[in-house]
PDB file of N, CA and C in Angstrom:
ATOM      1  N   MET A   1     -31.707  13.682   2.341  1.00  0.00           N
ATOM      2  CA  MET A   1     -31.596  12.609   1.168  1.00  0.00           C
ATOM      3  C   MET A   1     -30.550  13.164   0.157  1.00  0.00           C
ATOM      4  N   ILE A   2     -29.678  12.220  -0.459  1.00  0.00           N
ATOM      5  CA  ILE A   2     -28.679  12.805  -1.404  1.00  0.00           C
ATOM      6  C   ILE A   2     -29.362  12.646  -2.782  1.00  0.00           C
ATOM      7  N   SER A   3     -28.969  13.379  -3.705  1.00  0.00           N
ATOM      8  CA  SER A   3     -29.580  13.130  -5.035  1.00  0.00           C
ATOM      9  C   SER A   3     -28.805  12.027  -5.742  1.00  0.00           C
ATOM     10  N   SER A   4     -29.520  11.656  -6.876  1.00  0.00           N
ATOM     11  CA  SER A   4     -28.570  10.486  -7.517  1.00  0.00           C
ATOM     12  C   SER A   4     -27.362  11.058  -8.347  1.00  0.00           C
ATOM     13  N   MET A   5     -27.419  12.230  -8.511  1.00  0.00           N
ATOM     14  CA  MET A   5     -26.146  12.792  -9.121  1.00  0.00           C
ATOM     15  C   MET A   5     -24.959  12.980  -8.169  1.00  0.00           C
ATOM     16  N   SER A   6     -25.257  13.267  -6.899  1.00  0.00           N
ATOM     17  CA  SER A   6     -24.373  13.360  -5.824  1.00  0.00           C
ATOM     18  C   SER A   6     -23.882  12.217  -5.445  1.00  0.00           C
ATOM     19  N   SER A   7     -24.850  11.097  -5.536  1.00  0.00           N
ATOM     20  CA  SER A   7     -24.287   9.781  -5.018  1.00  0.00           C
ATOM     21  C   SER A   7     -23.560   9.051  -6.049  1.00  0.00           C
ATOM     22  N   ALA A   8     -23.763   9.418  -7.373  1.00  0.00           N
ATOM     23  CA  ALA A   8     -23.006   8.844  -8.542  1.00  0.00           C
ATOM     24  C   ALA A   8     -21.686   9.518  -8.569  1.00  0.00           C
ATOM     25  N   VAL A   9     -21.554  10.634  -7.975  1.00  0.00           N
ATOM     26  CA  VAL A   9     -20.192  11.377  -7.993  1.00  0.00           C
ATOM     27  C   VAL A   9     -19.452  11.020  -6.949  1.00  0.00           C
ATOM     28  N   SER A  10     -20.092  10.797  -5.640  1.00  0.00           N
ATOM     29  CA  SER A  10     -19.231  10.049  -4.518  1.00  0.00           C
ATOM     30  C   SER A  10     -18.820   8.836  -4.830  1.00  0.00           C
ATOM     31  N   ALA A  11     -19.606   7.950  -5.574  1.00  0.00           N
ATOM     32  CA  ALA A  11     -19.065   6.689  -5.932  1.00  0.00           C
ATOM     33  C   ALA A  11     -17.964   6.732  -6.935  1.00  0.00           C
ATOM     34  N   ILE A  12     -17.907   7.573  -7.793  1.00  0.00           N
ATOM     35  CA  ILE A  12     -16.909   7.634  -8.744  1.00  0.00           C
ATOM     36  C   ILE A  12     -15.624   8.175  -7.920  1.00  0.00           C
ATOM     37  N   ILE A  13     -15.821   8.961  -7.059  1.00  0.00           N
ATOM     38  CA  ILE A  13     -14.569   9.342  -6.310  1.00  0.00           C
ATOM     39  C   ILE A  13     -14.056   8.292  -5.538  1.00  0.00           C
ATOM     40  N   ALA A  14     -14.937   7.435  -4.992  1.00  0.00           N
ATOM     41  CA  ALA A  14     -14.669   6.245  -4.143  1.00  0.00           C
ATOM     42  C   ALA A  14     -13.931   5.191  -4.899  1.00  0.00           C
ATOM     43  N   PHE A  15     -14.511   4.974  -6.244  1.00  0.00           N
ATOM     44  CA  PHE A  15     -13.853   3.913  -7.017  1.00  0.00           C
ATOM     45  C   PHE A  15     -12.443   4.483  -7.525  1.00  0.00           C
ATOM     46  N   GLU A  16     -12.344   5.660  -7.639  1.00  0.00           N
ATOM     47  CA  GLU A  16     -10.902   6.055  -8.198  1.00  0.00           C
ATOM     48  C   GLU A  16      -9.983   5.835  -7.072  1.00  0.00           C
ATOM     49  N   GLY A  17     -10.357   6.127  -5.911  1.00  0.00           N
ATOM     50  CA  GLY A  17      -9.531   6.052  -4.640  1.00  0.00           C
ATOM     51  C   GLY A  17      -9.124   4.422  -4.550  1.00  0.00           C
ATOM     52  N   LYS A  18     -10.143   3.629  -4.717  1.00  0.00           N
ATOM     53  CA  LYS A  18      -9.932   2.056  -4.613  1.00  0.00           C
ATOM     54  C   LYS A  18      -8.995   1.640  -5.667  1.00  0.00           C
ATOM     55  N   MET A  19      -9.361   2.209  -6.968  1.00  0.00           N
ATOM     56  CA  MET A  19      -8.291   1.900  -7.837  1.00  0.00           C
ATOM     57  C   MET A  19      -6.798   2.289  -7.494  1.00  0.00           C
ATOM     58  N   GLY A  20      -6.695   3.555  -6.874  1.00  0.00           N
ATOM     59  CA  GLY A  20      -5.255   4.009  -6.606  1.00  0.00           C
ATOM     60  C   GLY A  20      -4.799   3.017  -5.463  1.00  0.00           C
ATOM     61  N   VAL A  21      -5.561   2.618  -4.624  1.00  0.00           N
ATOM     62  CA  VAL A  21      -4.811   1.736  -3.293  1.00  0.00           C
ATOM     63  C   VAL A  21      -4.566   0.466  -4.052  1.00  0.00           C
ATOM     64  N   THR A  22      -5.399  -0.222  -4.991  1.00  0.00           N
ATOM     65  CA  THR A  22      -5.128  -1.419  -5.610  1.00  0.00           C
ATOM     66  C   THR A  22      -3.499  -1.262  -6.669  1.00  0.00           C
ATOM     67  N   SER A  23      -3.709  -0.086  -7.278  1.00  0.00           N
ATOM     68  CA  SER A  23      -2.411   0.005  -8.083  1.00  0.00           C
ATOM     69  C   SER A  23      -1.192   0.300  -7.272  1.00  0.00           C
ATOM     70  N   ASN A  24      -1.321   0.722  -6.197  1.00  0.00           N
ATOM     71  CA  ASN A  24      -0.201   0.900  -5.059  1.00  0.00           C
ATOM     72  C   ASN A  24       0.266  -0.436  -4.731  1.00  0.00           C
ATOM     73  N   ASN A  25      -0.596  -1.278  -4.425  1.00  0.00           N
ATOM     74  CA  ASN A  25      -0.391  -2.554  -4.008  1.00  0.00           C
ATOM     75  C   ASN A  25       0.280  -3.390  -5.007  1.00  0.00           C
ATOM     76  N   VAL A  26      -0.256  -3.205  -6.192  1.00  0.00           N
ATOM     77  CA  VAL A  26       0.398  -4.092  -7.405  1.00  0.00           C
ATOM     78  C   VAL A  26       1.810  -3.500  -7.548  1.00  0.00           C
ATOM     79  N   ALA A  27       2.058  -2.275  -7.497  1.00  0.00           N
ATOM     80  CA  ALA A  27       3.468  -1.657  -7.876  1.00  0.00           C
ATOM     81  C   ALA A  27       4.334  -2.003  -6.783  1.00  0.00           C
ATOM     82  N   ASN A  28       4.018  -2.252  -5.614  1.00  0.00           N
ATOM     83  CA  ASN A  28       4.874  -2.643  -4.489  1.00  0.00           C
ATOM     84  C   ASN A  28       4.801  -4.063  -4.276  1.00  0.00           C
ATOM     85  N   SER A  29       4.307  -4.837  -5.077  1.00  0.00           N
ATOM     86  CA  SER A  29       4.202  -6.236  -4.748  1.00  0.00           C
ATOM     87  C   SER A  29       5.592  -7.083  -4.600  1.00  0.00           C
ATOM     88  N   GLN A  30       6.544  -6.520  -5.019  1.00  0.00           N
ATOM     89  CA  GLN A  30       7.943  -7.074  -5.089  1.00  0.00           C
ATOM     90  C   GLN A  30       8.802  -6.382  -4.301  1.00  0.00           C
ATOM     91  N   THR A  31       8.166  -5.452  -3.516  1.00  0.00           N
ATOM     92  CA  THR A  31       9.116  -4.750  -2.434  1.00  0.00           C
ATOM     93  C   THR A  31       9.174  -5.478  -0.973  1.00  0.00           C
ATOM     94  N   ASP A  32      10.340  -5.829  -0.540  1.00  0.00           N
ATOM     95  CA  ASP A  32      10.674  -6.580   0.685  1.00  0.00           C
ATOM     96  C   ASP A  32       9.876  -5.590   1.839  1.00  0.00           C
ATOM     97  N   GLY A  33       9.027  -6.584   2.652  1.00  0.00           N
ATOM     98  CA  GLY A  33       8.351  -5.962   3.817  1.00  0.00           C
ATOM     99  C   GLY A  33       7.190  -5.188   3.496  1.00  0.00           C
ATOM    100  N   PHE A  34       6.736  -4.967   2.231  1.00  0.00           N
ATOM    101  CA  PHE A  34       5.801  -4.019   2.009  1.00  0.00           C
ATOM    102  C   PHE A  34       4.484  -4.704   2.551  1.00  0.00           C
ATOM    103  N   LYS A  35       3.505  -3.839   3.227  1.00  0.00           N
ATOM    104  CA  LYS A  35       2.404  -4.261   3.778  1.00  0.00           C
ATOM    105  C   LYS A  35       1.379  -3.411   2.998  1.00  0.00           C
ATOM    106  N   LYS A  36       0.334  -4.263   2.311  1.00  0.00           N
ATOM    107  CA  LYS A  36      -0.627  -3.861   1.431  1.00  0.00           C
ATOM    108  C   LYS A  36      -1.797  -3.095   2.276  1.00  0.00           C
ATOM    109  N   SER A  37      -2.425  -2.393   1.492  1.00  0.00           N
ATOM    110  CA  SER A  37      -3.707  -1.616   1.950  1.00  0.00           C
ATOM    111  C   SER A  37      -4.915  -2.220   1.440  1.00  0.00           C
ATOM    112  N   ARG A  38      -5.949  -2.010   2.244  1.00  0.00           N
ATOM    113  CA  ARG A  38      -7.342  -2.485   1.745  1.00  0.00           C
ATOM    114  C   ARG A  38      -8.317  -1.257   1.636  1.00  0.00           C
ATOM    115  N   ALA A  39      -8.923  -1.073   0.344  1.00  0.00           N
ATOM    116  CA  ALA A  39      -9.816  -0.039   0.299  1.00  0.00           C
ATOM    117  C   ALA A  39     -11.392  -0.639   0.495  1.00  0.00           C
ATOM    118  N   ASP A  40     -12.153  -0.340   1.361  1.00  0.00           N
ATOM    119  CA  ASP A  40     -13.513  -0.805   1.469  1.00  0.00           C
ATOM    120  C   ASP A  40     -14.573   0.375   1.148  1.00  0.00           C
ATOM    121  N   LEU A  41     -15.502   0.152   0.405  1.00  0.00           N
ATOM    122  CA  LEU A  41     -16.582   1.325   0.245  1.00  0.00           C
ATOM    123  C   LEU A  41     -17.680   1.024   1.090  1.00  0.00           C
ATOM    124  N   ILE A  42     -17.973   2.134   1.834  1.00  0.00           N
ATOM    125  CA  ILE A  42     -19.001   2.276   2.873  1.00  0.00           C
ATOM    126  C   ILE A  42     -20.040   3.323   2.569  1.00  0.00           C
ATOM    127  N   GLU A  43     -21.165   3.278   3.148  1.00  0.00           N
ATOM    128  CA  GLU A  43     -22.172   4.369   3.063  1.00  0.00           C
ATOM    129  C   GLU A  43     -21.777   5.446   3.990  1.00  0.00           C
ATOM    130  N   GLY A  44     -21.758   6.729   3.324  1.00  0.00           N
ATOM    131  CA  GLY A  44     -21.479   7.883   4.091  1.00  0.00           C
ATOM    132  C   GLY A  44     -22.613   8.290   4.916  1.00  0.00           C
ATOM    133  N   GLU A  45     -22.312   9.324   5.637  1.00  0.00           N
ATOM    134  CA  GLU A  45     -23.630   9.849   6.542  1.00  0.00           C
ATOM    135  C   GLU A  45     -24.594  10.333   5.891  1.00  0.00           C
ATOM    136  N   THR A  46     -24.164  10.940   4.828  1.00  0.00           N
ATOM    137  CA  THR A  46     -25.333  11.613   3.933  1.00  0.00           C
ATOM    138  C   THR A  46     -25.971  10.808   2.860  1.00  0.00           C
ATOM    139  N   GLY A  47     -25.535   9.510   2.818  1.00  0.00           N
ATOM    140  CA  GLY A  47     -25.998   8.409   1.914  1.00  0.00           C
ATOM    141  C   GLY A  47     -25.119   8.357   0.865  1.00  0.00           C
ATOM    142  N   GLY A  48     -24.044   9.013   0.569  1.00  0.00           N
ATOM    143  CA  GLY A  48     -23.190   8.891  -0.634  1.00  0.00           C
ATOM    144  C   GLY A  48     -22.186   7.701  -0.206  1.00  0.00           C
ATOM    145  N   VAL A  49     -21.286   7.314  -0.993  1.00  0.00           N
ATOM    146  CA  VAL A  49     -20.305   6.504  -0.985  1.00  0.00           C
ATOM    147  C   VAL A  49     -18.930   7.208  -0.328  1.00  0.00           C
ATOM    148  N   GLU A  50     -18.313   6.314   0.524  1.00  0.00           N
ATOM    149  CA  GLU A  50     -17.078   6.710   1.158  1.00  0.00           C
ATOM    150  C   GLU A  50     -16.148   5.747   1.057  1.00  0.00           C
ATOM    151  N   LEU A  51     -14.757   6.029   1.044  1.00  0.00           N
ATOM    152  CA  LEU A  51     -13.878   4.908   0.852  1.00  0.00           C
ATOM    153  C   LEU A  51     -13.129   5.011   2.381  1.00  0.00           C
ATOM    154  N   GLU A  52     -12.956   3.778   2.699  1.00  0.00           N
ATOM    155  CA  GLU A  52     -12.243   3.620   4.040  1.00  0.00           C
ATOM    156  C   GLU A  52     -10.897   2.749   3.604  1.00  0.00           C
ATOM    157  N   ILE A  53      -9.674   3.286   4.032  1.00  0.00           N
ATOM    158  CA  ILE A  53      -8.728   2.643   3.570  1.00  0.00           C
ATOM    159  C   ILE A  53      -7.982   2.172   5.043  1.00  0.00           C
ATOM    160  N   THR A  54      -7.575   0.805   4.951  1.00  0.00           N
ATOM    161  CA  THR A  54      -6.771   0.345   6.223  1.00  0.00           C
ATOM    162  C   THR A  54      -5.720  -0.496   5.717  1.00  0.00           C
ATOM    163  N   GLN A  55      -4.737  -0.357   6.498  1.00  0.00           N
ATOM    164  CA  GLN A  55      -3.589  -1.195   6.130  1.00  0.00           C
ATOM    165  C   GLN A  55      -3.636  -2.783   6.622  1.00  0.00           C
ATOM    166  N   VAL A  56      -3.031  -3.662   5.867  1.00  0.00           N
ATOM    167  CA  VAL A  56      -3.334  -5.186   6.235  1.00  0.00           C
ATOM    168  C   VAL A  56      -1.993  -5.443   6.769  1.00  0.00           C
ATOM    169  N   ASN A  57      -1.821  -5.688   8.256  1.00  0.00           N
ATOM    170  CA  ASN A  57      -0.421  -6.136   8.581  1.00  0.00           C
ATOM    171  C   ASN A  57      -0.175  -7.530   8.887  1.00  0.00           C
ATOM    172  N   ASN A  58      -1.004  -8.331   8.095  1.00  0.00           N
ATOM    173  CA  ASN A  58      -0.541  -9.981   7.969  1.00  0.00           C
ATOM    174  C   ASN A  58       1.016  -9.974   7.382  1.00  0.00           C
ATOM    175  N   PRO A  59       1.851 -10.693   8.054  1.00  0.00           N
ATOM    176  CA  PRO A  59       3.251 -10.859   7.580  1.00  0.00           C
ATOM    177  C   PRO A  59       3.307 -11.633   6.013  1.00  0.00           C
ATOM    178  N   GLY A  60       4.102 -11.185   5.451  1.00  0.00           N
ATOM    179  CA  GLY A  60       4.290 -11.789   3.915  1.00  0.00           C
ATOM    180  C   GLY A  60       5.252 -13.171   4.107  1.00  0.00           C
ATOM    181  N   PRO A  61       5.338 -13.815   3.063  1.00  0.00           N
ATOM    182  CA  PRO A  61       6.170 -15.103   3.249  1.00  0.00           C
ATOM    183  C   PRO A  61       7.776 -14.502   3.595  1.00  0.00           C
ATOM    184  N   VAL A  62       8.162 -15.561   4.324  1.00  0.00           N
ATOM    185  CA  VAL A  62       9.742 -15.235   4.795  1.00  0.00           C
ATOM    186  C   VAL A  62      10.556 -16.242   3.973  1.00  0.00           C
ATOM    187  N   VAL A  63      11.755 -15.562   3.383  1.00  0.00           N
ATOM    188  CA  VAL A  63      12.539 -16.388   2.461  1.00  0.00           C
ATOM    189  C   VAL A  63      14.005 -16.234   3.060  1.00  0.00           C
ATOM    190  N   THR A  64      14.611 -17.208   2.572  1.00  0.00           N
ATOM    191  CA  THR A  64      16.134 -17.158   3.067  1.00  0.00           C
ATOM    192  C   THR A  64      17.090 -16.831   1.887  1.00  0.00           C
ATOM    193  N   VAL A  65      17.694 -15.681   1.946  1.00  0.00           N
ATOM    194  CA  VAL A  65      18.743 -15.373   1.003  1.00  0.00           C
ATOM    195  C   VAL A  65      20.059 -15.364   1.419  1.00  0.00           C
ATOM    196  N   GLU A  66      21.012 -15.528   0.491  1.00  0.00           N
ATOM    197  CA  GLU A  66      22.383 -15.487   0.958  1.00  0.00           C
ATOM    198  C   GLU A  66      22.793 -14.039   0.724  1.00  0.00           C
ATOM    199  N   GLU A  67      23.451 -13.241   1.646  1.00  0.00           N
ATOM    200  CA  GLU A  67      24.209 -11.977   1.405  1.00  0.00           C
ATOM    201  C   GLU A  67      25.524 -12.090   1.945  1.00  0.00           C
ATOM    202  N   ASN A  68      26.564 -11.685   1.290  1.00  0.00           N
ATOM    203  CA  ASN A  68      27.961 -11.798   1.859  1.00  0.00           C
ATOM    204  C   ASN A  68      28.208 -13.207   2.478  1.00  0.00           C
ATOM    205  N   GLY A  69      27.691 -14.197   1.712  1.00  0.00           N
ATOM    206  CA  GLY A  69      28.172 -15.555   2.320  1.00  0.00           C
ATOM    207  C   GLY A  69      27.426 -15.920   3.651  1.00  0.00           C
ATOM    208  N   VAL A  70      26.473 -15.134   3.989  1.00  0.00           N
ATOM    209  CA  VAL A  70      25.672 -15.219   5.229  1.00  0.00           C
ATOM    210  C   VAL A  70      24.102 -15.374   5.051  1.00  0.00           C
ATOM    211  N   ALA A  71      23.505 -16.505   5.317  1.00  0.00           N
ATOM    212  CA  ALA A  71      22.035 -16.673   5.231  1.00  0.00           C
ATOM    213  C   ALA A  71      21.322 -15.752   5.904  1.00  0.00           C
ATOM    214  N   VAL A  72      20.255 -14.960   5.346  1.00  0.00           N
ATOM    215  CA  VAL A  72      19.600 -14.059   5.830  1.00  0.00           C
ATOM    216  C   VAL A  72      18.152 -14.245   5.651  1.00  0.00           C
ATOM    217  N   GLU A  73      17.093 -14.149   6.621  1.00  0.00           N
ATOM    218  CA  GLU A  73      15.693 -14.306   6.602  1.00  0.00           C
ATOM    219  C   GLU A  73      15.038 -12.905   6.044  1.00  0.00           C
ATOM    220  N   LYS A  74      14.393 -12.890   5.032  1.00  0.00           N
ATOM    221  CA  LYS A  74      13.682 -11.599   4.786  1.00  0.00           C
ATOM    222  C   LYS A  74      12.093 -11.770   4.598  1.00  0.00           C
ATOM    223  N   GLU A  75      11.471 -10.975   4.975  1.00  0.00           N
ATOM    224  CA  GLU A  75       9.970 -10.869   4.878  1.00  0.00           C
ATOM    225  C   GLU A  75       9.584 -10.341   3.613  1.00  0.00           C
ATOM    226  N   MET A  76       8.986 -10.887   2.744  1.00  0.00           N
ATOM    227  CA  MET A  76       8.612 -10.395   1.470  1.00  0.00           C
ATOM    228  C   MET A  76       7.241  -9.764   1.712  1.00  0.00           C
ATOM    229  N   SER A  77       6.768  -9.054   0.582  1.00  0.00           N
ATOM    230  CA  SER A  77       5.533  -8.479   0.416  1.00  0.00           C
ATOM    231  C   SER A  77       4.378  -9.356   0.876  1.00  0.00           C
ATOM    232  N   ASN A  78       3.164  -8.886   1.628  1.00  0.00           N
ATOM    233  CA  ASN A  78       2.150  -9.531   1.836  1.00  0.00           C
ATOM    234  C   ASN A  78       0.827  -9.302   0.745  1.00  0.00           C
ATOM    235  N   VAL A  79       1.380  -8.820  -0.538  1.00  0.00           N
ATOM    236  CA  VAL A  79       0.414  -8.581  -1.673  1.00  0.00           C
ATOM    237  C   VAL A  79       0.241  -9.749  -2.291  1.00  0.00           C
ATOM    238  N   ASP A  80      -0.857 -10.230  -2.724  1.00  0.00           N
ATOM    239  CA  ASP A  80      -1.338 -11.432  -3.601  1.00  0.00           C
ATOM    240  C   ASP A  80      -1.842 -10.916  -4.871  1.00  0.00           C
ATOM    241  N   LEU A  81      -1.251 -11.032  -5.972  1.00  0.00           N
ATOM    242  CA  LEU A  81      -1.707 -10.408  -7.069  1.00  0.00           C
ATOM    243  C   LEU A  81      -2.995 -11.131  -7.509  1.00  0.00           C
ATOM    244  N   ALA A  82      -3.110 -12.385  -7.061  1.00  0.00           N
ATOM    245  CA  ALA A  82      -4.482 -13.023  -7.155  1.00  0.00           C
ATOM    246  C   ALA A  82      -5.657 -12.459  -6.644  1.00  0.00           C
ATOM    247  N   GLU A  83      -5.484 -11.586  -5.601  1.00  0.00           N
ATOM    248  CA  GLU A  83      -6.649 -10.793  -4.901  1.00  0.00           C
ATOM    249  C   GLU A  83      -6.748  -9.490  -5.602  1.00  0.00           C
ATOM    250  N   GLU A  84      -5.620  -8.866  -5.858  1.00  0.00           N
ATOM    251  CA  GLU A  84      -5.530  -7.515  -6.310  1.00  0.00           C
ATOM    252  C   GLU A  84      -5.988  -7.214  -7.761  1.00  0.00           C
ATOM    253  N   ILE A  85      -5.741  -8.076  -8.728  1.00  0.00           N
ATOM    254  CA  ILE A  85      -6.262  -7.985 -10.070  1.00  0.00           C
ATOM    255  C   ILE A  85      -7.820  -7.921 -10.128  1.00  0.00           C
ATOM    256  N   PRO A  86      -8.572  -8.964  -9.459  1.00  0.00           N
ATOM    257  CA  PRO A  86     -10.060  -8.764  -9.360  1.00  0.00           C
ATOM    258  C   PRO A  86     -10.519  -7.382  -8.990  1.00  0.00           C
ATOM    259  N   GLN A  87      -9.893  -6.839  -8.060  1.00  0.00           N
ATOM    260  CA  GLN A  87     -10.343  -5.281  -7.539  1.00  0.00           C
ATOM    261  C   GLN A  87     -10.029  -4.500  -8.552  1.00  0.00           C
ATOM    262  N   THR A  88      -9.202  -4.602  -9.480  1.00  0.00           N
ATOM    263  CA  THR A  88      -9.164  -3.378 -10.670  1.00  0.00           C
ATOM    264  C   THR A  88     -10.210  -3.633 -11.379  1.00  0.00           C
ATOM    265  N   ILE A  89     -10.703  -4.840 -11.673  1.00  0.00           N
ATOM    266  CA  ILE A  89     -12.105  -5.091 -12.513  1.00  0.00           C
ATOM    267  C   ILE A  89     -13.278  -4.504 -11.692  1.00  0.00           C
ATOM    268  N   LEU A  90     -13.258  -4.861 -10.372  1.00  0.00           N
ATOM    269  CA  LEU A  90     -14.407  -4.141  -9.681  1.00  0.00           C
ATOM    270  C   LEU A  90     -14.343  -2.684  -9.721  1.00  0.00           C
ATOM    271  N   ALA A  91     -13.300  -1.973  -9.525  1.00  0.00           N
ATOM    272  CA  ALA A  91     -13.314  -0.845  -9.459  1.00  0.00           C
ATOM    273  C   ALA A  91     -13.655  -0.134 -10.878  1.00  0.00           C
ATOM    274  N   GLU A  92     -13.289  -0.573 -11.996  1.00  0.00           N
ATOM    275  CA  GLU A  92     -13.397  -0.250 -13.170  1.00  0.00           C
ATOM    276  C   GLU A  92     -14.847  -0.210 -13.593  1.00  0.00           C
ATOM    277  N   THR A  93     -15.641  -1.520 -13.346  1.00  0.00           N
ATOM    278  CA  THR A  93     -16.820  -1.657 -13.567  1.00  0.00           C
ATOM    279  C   THR A  93     -17.854  -0.718 -12.615  1.00  0.00           C
ATOM    280  N   GLY A  94     -17.473  -0.497 -11.426  1.00  0.00           N
ATOM    281  CA  GLY A  94     -18.188   0.530 -10.593  1.00  0.00           C
ATOM    282  C   GLY A  94     -18.030   1.862 -10.981  1.00  0.00           C
ATOM    283  N   TYR A  95     -16.950   2.103 -11.522  1.00  0.00           N
ATOM    284  CA  TYR A  95     -16.608   3.584 -12.063  1.00  0.00           C
ATOM    285  C   TYR A  95     -17.478   3.819 -13.264  1.00  0.00           C
ATOM    286  N   GLU A  96     -17.512   2.925 -14.341  1.00  0.00           N
ATOM    287  CA  GLU A  96     -18.169   2.955 -15.612  1.00  0.00           C
ATOM    288  C   GLU A  96     -19.746   2.850 -15.296  1.00  0.00           C
ATOM    289  N   ALA A  97     -20.272   2.265 -14.400  1.00  0.00           N
ATOM    290  CA  ALA A  97     -21.661   2.165 -14.084  1.00  0.00           C
ATOM    291  C   ALA A  97     -22.006   3.459 -13.575  1.00  0.00           C
ATOM    292  N   ASN A  98     -21.161   4.256 -12.632  1.00  0.00           N
ATOM    293  CA  ASN A  98     -21.725   5.480 -12.058  1.00  0.00           C
ATOM    294  C   ASN A  98     -21.593   6.519 -13.232  1.00  0.00           C
ATOM    295  N   LEU A  99     -20.597   6.288 -14.160  1.00  0.00           N
ATOM    296  CA  LEU A  99     -20.506   7.389 -15.249  1.00  0.00           C
ATOM    297  C   LEU A  99     -21.728   7.213 -16.021  1.00  0.00           C
ATOM    298  N   LYS A 100     -22.262   5.909 -16.435  1.00  0.00           N
ATOM    299  CA  LYS A 100     -23.473   5.919 -16.973  1.00  0.00           C
ATOM    300  C   LYS A 100     -24.708   6.454 -16.444  1.00  0.00           C
ATOM    301  N   ILE A 101     -24.893   6.415 -15.116  1.00  0.00           N
ATOM    302  CA  ILE A 101     -25.712   7.101 -14.181  1.00  0.00           C
ATOM    303  C   ILE A 101     -25.806   8.705 -14.467  1.00  0.00           C
ATOM    304  N   LEU A 102     -24.712   9.226 -14.404  1.00  0.00           N
ATOM    305  CA  LEU A 102     -24.457  10.768 -14.680  1.00  0.00           C
ATOM    306  C   LEU A 102     -24.927  11.161 -16.086  1.00  0.00           C
ATOM    307  N   LYS A 103     -24.392  10.313 -17.207  1.00  0.00           N
ATOM    308  CA  LYS A 103     -24.907  10.348 -18.705  1.00  0.00           C
ATOM    309  C   LYS A 103     -26.352  10.416 -18.671  1.00  0.00           C
ATOM    310  N   THR A 104     -26.982   9.396 -18.194  1.00  0.00           N
ATOM    311  CA  THR A 104     -28.420   9.135 -18.204  1.00  0.00           C
ATOM    312  C   THR A 104     -29.142  10.228 -17.680  1.00  0.00           C
ATOM    313  N   LYS A 105     -28.731  10.808 -16.434  1.00  0.00           N
ATOM    314  CA  LYS A 105     -29.435  11.932 -15.765  1.00  0.00           C
ATOM    315  C   LYS A 105     -29.240  13.286 -16.454  1.00  0.00           C
ATOM    316  N   ASP A 106     -28.019  13.345 -17.146  1.00  0.00           N
ATOM    317  CA  ASP A 106     -27.853  14.603 -18.142  1.00  0.00           C
ATOM    318  C   ASP A 106     -28.889  14.317 -19.451  1.00  0.00           C
ATOM    319  N   GLU A 107     -29.088  13.236 -19.894  1.00  0.00           N
ATOM    320  CA  GLU A 107     -29.924  13.052 -21.009  1.00  0.00           C
ATOM    321  C   GLU A 107     -31.367  13.285 -20.453  1.00  0.00           C
ATOM    322  N   MET A 108     -31.688  12.972 -19.442  1.00  0.00           N
ATOM    323  CA  MET A 108     -33.150  13.062 -18.946  1.00  0.00           C
ATOM    324  C   MET A 108     -33.375  14.648 -18.632  1.00  0.00           C
ATOM    325  N   LEU A 109     -32.493  15.333 -18.247  1.00  0.00           N
ATOM    326  CA  LEU A 109     -32.575  16.648 -17.977  1.00  0.00           C
ATOM    327  C   LEU A 109     -32.572  17.433 -19.271  1.00  0.00           C
ATOM    328  N   GLY A 110     -31.899  17.074 -20.133  1.00  0.00           N
ATOM    329  CA  GLY A 110     -31.912  17.643 -21.458  1.00  0.00           C
ATOM    330  C   GLY A 110     -33.187  17.419 -22.098  1.00  0.00           C
ATOM    331  N   THR A 111     -33.827  16.128 -22.283  1.00  0.00           N
ATOM    332  CA  THR A 111     -35.117  15.903 -22.663  1.00  0.00           C
ATOM    333  C   THR A 111     -36.154  16.878 -21.876  1.00  0.00           C
ATOM    334  N   LEU A 112     -36.057  16.896 -20.654  1.00  0.00           N
ATOM    335  CA  LEU A 112     -37.109  17.773 -19.911  1.00  0.00           C
ATOM    336  C   LEU A 112     -37.112  19.115 -20.185  1.00  0.00           C
ATOM    337  N   LEU A 113     -35.940  19.635 -20.646  1.00  0.00           N
ATOM    338  CA  LEU A 113     -35.742  21.084 -21.046  1.00  0.00           C
ATOM    339  C   LEU A 113     -36.214  21.336 -22.409  1.00  0.00           C
ATOM    340  N   ASP A 114     -36.172  20.299 -23.241  1.00  0.00           N
ATOM    341  CA  ASP A 114     -36.556  20.326 -24.568  1.00  0.00           C
ATOM    342  C   ASP A 114     -37.998  20.345 -24.600  1.00  0.00           C
ATOM    343  N   ILE A 115     -38.752  19.474 -23.684  1.00  0.00           N
ATOM    344  CA  ILE A 115     -40.078  19.514 -23.638  1.00  0.00           C
ATOM    345  C   ILE A 115     -40.717  20.698 -22.993  1.00  0.00           C
ATOM    346  N   VAL A 116     -40.006  21.368 -21.947  1.00  0.00           N
ATOM    347  CA  VAL A 116     -40.640  22.661 -21.269  1.00  0.00           C
ATOM    348  C   VAL A 116     -40.166  23.777 -22.199  1.00  0.00           C
ATOM    349  N   GLY A 117     -39.127  23.759 -22.724  1.00  0.00           N
ATOM    350  CA  GLY A 117     -38.781  25.099 -23.632  1.00  0.00           C
ATOM    351  C   GLY A 117     -39.355  24.917 -24.981  1.00  0.00           C
TER     352      GLY A 117
END
């Protein structure tokens, strides 16, 4: 069984990674041919939270541009900002909730030590 503190720490690390994946997707949203990644939170073998990152290989939209007088088709990024921005809110909220768990646990242990001591 995993303790509440270990579980909260593993969740904080996972949400940090999720935010990193989302920010990488947003940063490369205008890069031609970029393929976004997806970060899923899963239960670890010990009961904590783990991050599973996969690349989404769906094609991006194809646009026709003119280069040197010749029409050329280019694949754009498959990143949809309407999907990515809510992921930042989810990661931030999860991060804050798990920080609150750690703070509460710390306060409880402090109170217990005051009572015993």
